[in-house]
Amino acid sequence: MLTSQRKQHILSALQRDGNIVAKSLSEALGLSEDTIRRDLREMAAEGLLQRVHGGALPLAPAGADFASRQQLASDEKVLIGRAAARLVRPGQVVFIDGGTTAVQMARHLPRTLQATVVTHSPSVAVELAAHTQLEVVLIGGRLFKHSVVAVGAAAMAAIARIHADTYFMGVTGVHAEAGLTTGDLEEAEIKRALMASAAETVVLASSEKLGVASAWVINPVTAATTLLVSPEAPAKALAPLRKAGLTILRSDHGG
């Protein structure tokens, strides 16, 4: 089998099964495990998959810059954002993450809501500027321009001094084994700190985030309280997450 044929076979198997085990694949193809591992290394370097111990997982979609993602906010993200906004109760202190789904959540918070939103996302804070009943606390630090969020030691220190009711978290990957992942080391550290400072964590995940992985692990999926997905989220992708013990909540199509 040619290298190109092997790689196509690997991609097909990833799409079909959701993971690759190097030893099993080498046995199935009658090839050495070293050959399969070399293929996986090369494919990871080409941005085709995410290597993990013993094999590979589908790679979380490569992130466009924030402005591009904001313009392309999918219907799924609108539905998830609206459903997340409905989970905030009067008097609560909540963390809202950065990202396009988080912006959608901010847009759908009622203007009459009396609560406190803490965010390290200037974009989320600006969305909430006209909410006269809402207290908005903006966490500062070094601006990570890709996601337009504050990161670094100053942000970590501020987060550690807050006890929130709920953290509404964005991720690039949700996988039963690989966990909750994101594409940047410092973002992963901030998200982990936010989880530690909140009583509950609700993960906001559109369908392309399910069953895939990025390089930087935030926490196991079981560290989250709830996974909020859209009605379009495929049952096949949700089944292993539910089996792992994650509570799954589907948003609805309603207005």
Protein backbone atom coordinates (compact mmCIF):
# COMPACT_ATOMS: atom_id res chain seq x y z
CA MET A 1 0.00 0.00 0.00
CA LEU A 2 1.38 3.40 -1.00
CA THR A 3 1.88 6.13 1.59
CA SER A 4 -0.90 8.22 0.06
CA GLN A 5 -3.26 5.23 0.18
CA ARG A 6 -2.42 4.56 3.83
CA LYS A 7 -3.08 8.18 4.76
CA GLN A 8 -6.40 8.18 2.96
CA HIS A 9 -7.28 4.95 4.76
CA ILE A 10 -6.38 6.59 8.08
CA LEU A 11 -8.57 9.62 7.34
CA SER A 12 -11.47 7.38 6.36
CA ALA A 13 -11.07 5.33 9.55
CA LEU A 14 -10.98 8.51 11.64
CA GLN A 15 -14.18 9.73 10.06
CA ARG A 16 -15.86 6.35 10.52
CA ASP A 17 -14.62 5.37 14.00
CA GLY A 18 -13.64 8.69 15.60
CA ASN A 19 -10.16 7.46 16.56
CA ILE A 20 -7.12 5.53 15.39
CA VAL A 21 -5.23 2.96 17.48
CA ALA A 22 -1.80 2.55 15.90
CA LYS A 23 -1.30 -1.05 17.03
CA SER A 24 -4.71 -2.23 15.78
CA LEU A 25 -4.31 -0.45 12.45
CA SER A 26 -0.85 -1.88 11.88
CA GLU A 27 -2.18 -5.38 12.49
CA ALA A 28 -5.16 -4.83 10.21
CA LEU A 29 -2.95 -3.59 7.36
CA GLY A 30 -0.09 -6.03 7.95
CA LEU A 31 2.38 -3.18 8.49
CA SER A 32 4.78 -2.29 11.26
CA GLU A 33 3.56 -0.05 14.03
CA ASP A 34 6.50 2.25 13.30
CA THR A 35 5.18 2.80 9.77
CA ILE A 36 1.74 3.77 11.07
CA ARG A 37 3.24 6.06 13.71
CA ARG A 38 5.35 7.78 11.05
CA ASP A 39 2.24 8.33 8.95
CA LEU A 40 0.44 9.79 11.97
CA ARG A 41 3.36 12.13 12.70
CA GLU A 42 3.39 13.39 9.15
CA MET A 43 -0.38 13.82 9.06
CA ALA A 44 -0.33 15.71 12.36
CA ALA A 45 2.30 18.05 10.93
CA GLU A 46 0.02 18.60 7.92
CA GLY A 47 -2.85 19.54 10.24
CA LEU A 48 -4.94 16.48 9.37
CA LEU A 49 -5.30 14.90 12.83
CA GLN A 50 -4.38 15.21 16.50
CA ARG A 51 -1.89 12.65 17.78
CA VAL A 52 -2.56 11.14 21.20
CA HIS A 53 -0.92 8.35 23.15
CA GLY A 54 -1.25 5.14 21.12
CA GLY A 55 -2.87 6.69 18.06
CA ALA A 56 -4.80 9.72 16.83
CA LEU A 57 -8.08 11.63 17.04
CA PRO A 58 -9.86 13.96 14.61
CA LEU A 59 -8.35 17.43 14.80
CA ALA A 60 -10.49 20.31 16.04
CA PRO A 61 -11.18 22.76 13.21
CA ALA A 62 -8.37 25.24 12.62
CA GLY A 63 -9.46 28.57 14.05
CA ALA A 64 -9.96 31.53 11.78
CA ASP A 65 -9.40 34.89 13.45
CA PHE A 66 -12.11 36.19 15.75
CA ALA A 67 -13.50 38.79 13.32
CA SER A 68 -13.98 36.15 10.62
CA ARG A 69 -15.62 33.71 13.04
CA GLN A 70 -17.94 36.42 14.35
CA GLN A 71 -19.19 37.20 10.85
CA LEU A 72 -19.81 33.53 10.22
CA ALA A 73 -21.74 32.83 13.42
CA SER A 74 -23.71 29.71 12.59
CA ASP A 75 -27.36 29.11 13.42
CA GLU A 76 -26.13 26.49 15.87
CA LYS A 77 -24.14 29.05 17.84
CA VAL A 78 -27.12 31.39 17.97
CA LEU A 79 -29.32 28.60 19.35
CA ILE A 80 -26.71 27.56 21.91
CA GLY A 81 -26.06 31.16 22.95
CA ARG A 82 -29.76 31.84 23.42
CA ALA A 83 -30.24 28.66 25.47
CA ALA A 84 -27.21 29.51 27.63
CA ALA A 85 -28.61 32.99 28.33
CA ARG A 86 -31.79 31.38 29.66
CA LEU A 87 -29.76 29.47 32.27
CA VAL A 88 -28.64 32.64 34.07
CA ARG A 89 -30.76 33.43 37.12
CA PRO A 90 -31.29 36.82 38.82
CA GLY A 91 -28.68 37.54 41.47
CA GLN A 92 -26.12 35.07 40.15
CA VAL A 93 -22.45 35.73 39.49
CA VAL A 94 -21.45 34.04 36.23
CA PHE A 95 -18.29 33.75 34.16
CA ILE A 96 -18.77 34.09 30.41
CA ASP A 97 -15.89 32.91 28.23
CA GLY A 98 -14.61 34.48 25.04
CA GLY A 99 -15.52 33.32 21.54
CA THR A 100 -18.34 33.70 19.07
CA THR A 101 -20.82 31.49 20.93
CA ALA A 102 -20.19 33.47 24.12
CA VAL A 103 -20.94 36.69 22.24
CA GLN A 104 -24.22 35.15 21.10
CA MET A 105 -25.01 34.31 24.72
CA ALA A 106 -24.34 37.90 25.78
CA ARG A 107 -26.62 39.21 23.02
CA HIS A 108 -29.49 37.08 24.30
CA LEU A 109 -29.28 38.00 27.99
CA PRO A 110 -32.48 39.86 28.97
CA ARG A 111 -32.08 43.64 29.35
CA THR A 112 -34.00 43.38 32.63
CA LEU A 113 -31.69 40.75 34.16
CA GLN A 114 -30.11 41.74 37.47
CA ALA A 115 -26.95 39.67 37.85
CA THR A 116 -23.17 39.96 37.62
CA VAL A 117 -21.20 38.84 34.58
CA VAL A 118 -17.46 38.39 34.90
CA THR A 119 -15.58 38.00 31.62
CA HIS A 120 -12.06 38.20 30.24
CA SER A 121 -13.52 38.95 26.81
CA PRO A 122 -13.75 42.64 25.80
CA SER A 123 -16.16 41.58 23.05
CA VAL A 124 -18.58 40.10 25.59
CA ALA A 125 -18.22 43.14 27.86
CA VAL A 126 -19.07 45.53 25.00
CA GLU A 127 -22.16 43.47 24.13
CA LEU A 128 -23.36 43.98 27.71
CA ALA A 129 -22.61 47.70 27.98
CA ALA A 130 -26.26 48.66 27.37
CA HIS A 131 -27.64 46.20 29.95
CA THR A 132 -28.33 48.78 32.67
CA GLN A 133 -29.38 46.21 35.29
CA LEU A 134 -26.33 44.00 34.76
CA GLU A 135 -23.07 44.41 36.63
CA VAL A 136 -20.15 43.68 34.26
CA VAL A 137 -16.67 42.90 35.60
CA LEU A 138 -13.94 42.82 32.96
CA ILE A 139 -10.85 40.75 33.77
CA GLY A 140 -7.65 42.32 32.42
CA GLY A 141 -4.33 40.92 31.25
CA ARG A 142 -2.39 40.37 28.04
CA LEU A 143 -4.69 40.38 25.02
CA PHE A 144 -4.61 37.09 23.14
CA LYS A 145 -5.60 38.53 19.78
CA HIS A 146 -6.76 35.32 18.10
CA SER A 147 -9.64 34.92 20.55
CA VAL A 148 -9.72 38.53 21.81
CA VAL A 149 -9.47 37.52 25.47
CA ALA A 150 -7.20 38.44 28.36
CA VAL A 151 -4.64 35.83 29.42
CA GLY A 152 -1.57 35.70 31.63
CA ALA A 153 -0.68 36.10 35.31
CA ALA A 154 -2.83 39.19 35.97
CA ALA A 155 -5.94 37.47 34.63
CA MET A 156 -5.19 34.30 36.61
CA ALA A 157 -4.78 36.28 39.85
CA ALA A 158 -8.06 38.14 39.37
CA ILE A 159 -10.00 34.95 38.58
CA ALA A 160 -8.68 33.24 41.72
CA ARG A 161 -10.30 35.93 43.87
CA ILE A 162 -13.83 35.30 42.57
CA HIS A 163 -16.42 32.64 43.42
CA ALA A 164 -18.94 32.32 40.59
CA ASP A 165 -22.13 30.29 40.37
CA THR A 166 -21.63 29.13 36.78
CA TYR A 167 -18.92 29.29 34.13
CA PHE A 168 -20.13 29.25 30.53
CA MET A 169 -17.12 27.84 28.70
CA GLY A 170 -16.12 27.69 25.07
CA VAL A 171 -13.76 25.00 23.73
CA THR A 172 -12.36 23.83 20.41
CA GLY A 173 -12.77 20.14 21.23
CA VAL A 174 -14.92 17.89 23.42
CA HIS A 175 -13.85 14.25 23.43
CA ALA A 176 -14.75 11.52 25.93
CA GLU A 177 -11.13 10.39 26.28
CA ALA A 178 -9.06 13.42 25.26
CA GLY A 179 -11.21 15.73 27.39
CA LEU A 180 -12.01 19.40 26.98
CA THR A 181 -9.34 20.97 24.79
CA THR A 182 -8.35 24.24 23.18
CA GLY A 183 -5.73 25.45 20.74
CA ASP A 184 -3.54 27.62 23.00
CA LEU A 185 -1.60 26.91 26.19
CA GLU A 186 -2.45 30.15 28.00
CA GLU A 187 -6.11 29.94 27.04
CA ALA A 188 -6.22 26.43 28.51
CA GLU A 189 -4.75 27.74 31.78
CA ILE A 190 -7.34 30.54 31.98
CA LYS A 191 -10.22 28.16 31.25
CA ARG A 192 -8.95 25.76 33.93
CA ALA A 193 -8.78 28.62 36.45
CA LEU A 194 -12.32 29.73 35.57
CA MET A 195 -13.58 26.17 36.09
CA ALA A 196 -11.88 26.01 39.48
CA SER A 197 -13.51 29.29 40.58
CA ALA A 198 -17.06 28.32 39.56
CA ALA A 199 -19.51 26.00 41.28
CA GLU A 200 -20.70 24.67 37.91
CA THR A 201 -19.37 24.66 34.35
CA VAL A 202 -21.60 24.62 31.27
CA VAL A 203 -19.68 23.83 28.08
CA LEU A 204 -21.06 25.52 24.94
CA ALA A 205 -20.25 23.34 21.93
CA SER A 206 -21.46 23.45 18.34
CA SER A 207 -21.36 20.19 16.39
CA GLU A 208 -17.90 20.65 14.85
CA LYS A 209 -16.42 20.68 18.39
CA LEU A 210 -17.77 17.23 19.31
CA GLY A 211 -15.54 14.16 19.11
CA VAL A 212 -12.43 16.13 18.15
CA ALA A 213 -9.35 17.30 20.03
CA SER A 214 -6.80 20.11 20.16
CA ALA A 215 -3.32 20.01 21.65
CA TRP A 216 -3.98 21.71 25.00
CA VAL A 217 -6.07 19.89 27.59
CA ILE A 218 -8.22 21.97 29.94
CA ASN A 219 -9.78 19.19 32.01
CA PRO A 220 -11.50 15.80 31.62
CA VAL A 221 -15.05 16.07 30.30
CA THR A 222 -16.35 14.91 33.68
CA ALA A 223 -15.02 18.12 35.27
CA ALA A 224 -17.87 19.96 33.54
CA THR A 225 -21.43 19.95 34.87
CA THR A 226 -23.33 20.20 31.59
CA LEU A 227 -22.67 20.12 27.85
CA LEU A 228 -25.01 22.47 25.97
CA VAL A 229 -25.42 21.55 22.29
CA SER A 230 -27.75 22.40 19.44
CA PRO A 231 -30.66 20.27 18.16
CA GLU A 232 -28.43 19.35 15.19
CA ALA A 233 -25.74 17.73 17.36
CA PRO A 234 -25.32 14.15 16.07
CA ALA A 235 -26.34 11.38 18.47
CA LYS A 236 -23.26 9.36 17.47
CA ALA A 237 -20.96 12.13 18.72
CA LEU A 238 -22.92 12.57 21.95
CA ALA A 239 -23.15 8.89 22.91
CA PRO A 240 -19.57 8.45 24.22
CA LEU A 241 -19.80 11.77 26.10
CA ARG A 242 -23.01 10.69 27.79
CA LYS A 243 -21.44 7.31 28.58
CA ALA A 244 -18.48 9.11 30.17
CA GLY A 245 -20.93 10.71 32.60
CA LEU A 246 -21.45 14.16 31.06
CA THR A 247 -24.95 15.62 31.35
CA ILE A 248 -26.11 16.82 27.93
CA LEU A 249 -28.65 19.57 27.35
CA ARG A 250 -29.97 20.34 23.87
CA SER A 251 -31.01 23.87 22.95
CA ASP A 252 -34.29 24.25 21.08
CA HIS A 253 -35.33 25.86 17.80
CA GLY A 254 -37.74 28.25 19.48
CA GLY A 255 -37.39 31.98 19.71
